[in-house]
C-alpha atoms as a PDB file:
ATOM      1  CA  MET A   1     -24.101  15.641 -30.568  1.00  0.00           C
ATOM      2  CA  SER A   2     -27.587  16.664 -29.965  1.00  0.00           C
ATOM      3  CA  TRP A   3     -28.317  19.973 -28.365  1.00  0.00           C
ATOM      4  CA  ALA A   4     -30.882  21.069 -25.687  1.00  0.00           C
ATOM      5  CA  TRP A   5     -32.138  24.479 -24.690  1.00  0.00           C
ATOM      6  CA  LEU A   6     -32.201  25.496 -20.904  1.00  0.00           C
ATOM      7  CA  ALA A   7     -33.803  28.418 -19.335  1.00  0.00           C
ATOM      8  CA  ILE A   8     -35.054  29.493 -15.996  1.00  0.00           C
ATOM      9  CA  VAL A   9     -38.576  30.282 -16.026  1.00  0.00           C
ATOM     10  CA  ASP A  10     -41.363  31.091 -13.392  1.00  0.00           C
ATOM     11  CA  GLU A  11     -43.724  27.955 -14.097  1.00  0.00           C
ATOM     12  CA  ARG A  12     -42.932  24.568 -15.692  1.00  0.00           C
ATOM     13  CA  PRO A  13     -43.717  24.945 -19.535  1.00  0.00           C
ATOM     14  CA  ALA A  14     -46.114  22.438 -20.938  1.00  0.00           C
ATOM     15  CA  ASP A  15     -44.005  21.709 -23.876  1.00  0.00           C
ATOM     16  CA  ALA A  16     -40.648  21.438 -21.944  1.00  0.00           C
ATOM     17  CA  ASP A  17     -38.926  17.944 -22.352  1.00  0.00           C
ATOM     18  CA  ALA A  18     -37.738  18.044 -18.580  1.00  0.00           C
ATOM     19  CA  ALA A  19     -37.992  20.684 -15.766  1.00  0.00           C
ATOM     20  CA  ALA A  20     -37.128  20.903 -12.195  1.00  0.00           C
ATOM     21  CA  SER A  21     -38.012  23.342  -9.414  1.00  0.00           C
ATOM     22  CA  LEU A  22     -35.208  25.399  -8.201  1.00  0.00           C
ATOM     23  CA  ARG A  23     -34.342  26.408  -4.645  1.00  0.00           C
ATOM     24  CA  THR A  24     -31.499  28.645  -3.348  1.00  0.00           C
ATOM     25  CA  LEU A  25     -29.257  27.339  -0.825  1.00  0.00           C
ATOM     26  CA  ALA A  26     -31.484  28.917   1.725  1.00  0.00           C
ATOM     27  CA  GLY A  27     -34.348  27.025   0.436  1.00  0.00           C
ATOM     28  CA  GLU A  28     -36.306  29.821  -1.392  1.00  0.00           C
ATOM     29  CA  ARG A  29     -38.116  29.106  -4.435  1.00  0.00           C
ATOM     30  CA  ALA A  30     -35.922  30.294  -7.453  1.00  0.00           C
ATOM     31  CA  GLY A  31     -38.066  29.097 -10.491  1.00  0.00           C
ATOM     32  CA  VAL A  32     -37.993  26.171 -12.755  1.00  0.00           C
ATOM     33  CA  LEU A  33     -35.082  25.092 -14.844  1.00  0.00           C
ATOM     34  CA  ALA A  34     -36.615  23.773 -18.013  1.00  0.00           C
ATOM     35  CA  ALA A  35     -35.066  21.961 -20.955  1.00  0.00           C
ATOM     36  CA  TRP A  36     -36.097  21.383 -24.442  1.00  0.00           C
ATOM     37  CA  ARG A  37     -34.796  19.108 -27.150  1.00  0.00           C
ATOM     38  CA  ARG A  38     -35.552  20.962 -30.121  1.00  0.00           C
ATOM     39  CA  ARG A  39     -34.008  22.985 -32.892  1.00  0.00           C
ATOM     40  CA  ALA A  40     -35.872  26.402 -32.442  1.00  0.00           C
ATOM     41  CA  LYS A  41     -35.333  28.303 -29.441  1.00  0.00           C
ATOM     42  CA  PRO A  42     -38.234  27.960 -27.051  1.00  0.00           C
ATOM     43  CA  VAL A  43     -37.827  31.183 -24.930  1.00  0.00           C
ATOM     44  CA  ARG A  44     -35.933  34.415 -25.945  1.00  0.00           C
ATOM     45  CA  HIS A  45     -33.436  34.028 -22.984  1.00  0.00           C
ATOM     46  CA  ALA A  46     -32.735  30.094 -23.515  1.00  0.00           C
ATOM     47  CA  ARG A  47     -29.136  28.966 -23.751  1.00  0.00           C
ATOM     48  CA  ARG A  48     -27.906  26.005 -25.722  1.00  0.00           C
ATOM     49  CA  ALA A  49     -26.341  23.094 -23.960  1.00  0.00           C
ATOM     50  CA  ASP A  50     -25.127  19.387 -24.674  1.00  0.00           C
ATOM     51  CA  GLY A  51     -28.363  17.379 -24.890  1.00  0.00           C
ATOM     52  CA  ARG A  52     -26.843  14.543 -22.889  1.00  0.00           C
ATOM     53  CA  ILE A  53     -27.304  16.619 -19.722  1.00  0.00           C
ATOM     54  CA  VAL A  54     -31.125  16.215 -19.995  1.00  0.00           C
ATOM     55  CA  ASP A  55     -32.642  13.276 -18.149  1.00  0.00           C
ATOM     56  CA  PRO A  56     -36.255  13.537 -17.742  1.00  0.00           C
ATOM     57  CA  GLY A  57     -36.271  10.567 -15.270  1.00  0.00           C
ATOM     58  CA  GLY A  58     -33.277  11.776 -13.361  1.00  0.00           C
ATOM     59  CA  ALA A  59     -33.058  11.959  -9.594  1.00  0.00           C
ATOM     60  CA  PRO A  60     -32.902  15.262  -7.763  1.00  0.00           C
ATOM     61  CA  ALA A  61     -29.625  16.771  -7.767  1.00  0.00           C
ATOM     62  CA  ARG A  62     -27.779  19.945  -6.670  1.00  0.00           C
ATOM     63  CA  ILE A  63     -26.434  22.134  -9.823  1.00  0.00           C
ATOM     64  CA  SER A  64     -24.381  25.058 -10.406  1.00  0.00           C
ATOM     65  CA  LEU A  65     -25.525  26.951 -13.439  1.00  0.00           C
ATOM     66  CA  VAL A  66     -23.398  29.861 -14.773  1.00  0.00           C
ATOM     67  CA  LEU A  67     -25.085  31.875 -17.534  1.00  0.00           C
ATOM     68  CA  PRO A  68     -23.387  34.415 -19.676  1.00  0.00           C
ATOM     69  CA  PRO A  69     -24.517  38.061 -19.296  1.00  0.00           C
ATOM     70  CA  ALA A  70     -27.268  39.217 -21.493  1.00  0.00           C
ATOM     71  CA  LEU A  71     -26.082  41.004 -24.676  1.00  0.00           C
ATOM     72  CA  SER A  72     -27.052  44.594 -25.116  1.00  0.00           C
ATOM     73  CA  VAL A  73     -28.007  45.615 -28.758  1.00  0.00           C
END
C-alpha cells in the first residue's frame, strides 16, 4: 500500500500532488485540502491516509473528513 499525507491549509501548496478548495455546507470558504504522495511529512499537522484516495484528476465531490484531536505534549 502506498501512503499519502493530507492537511487542510490556507492556500494551495506548490508542492502538493493534489489539492481542492473546501467549502462548508453553507458555501463559506474553508481552506484547501492538500495531498502529498511522499515519505516525509509535508506540514506539521498533516495526517497519513491510504494513497489510493488521491486522484489529481478526479471530479469535485462532497467529503466528510474526521481528524483526530491534536496531541498535547
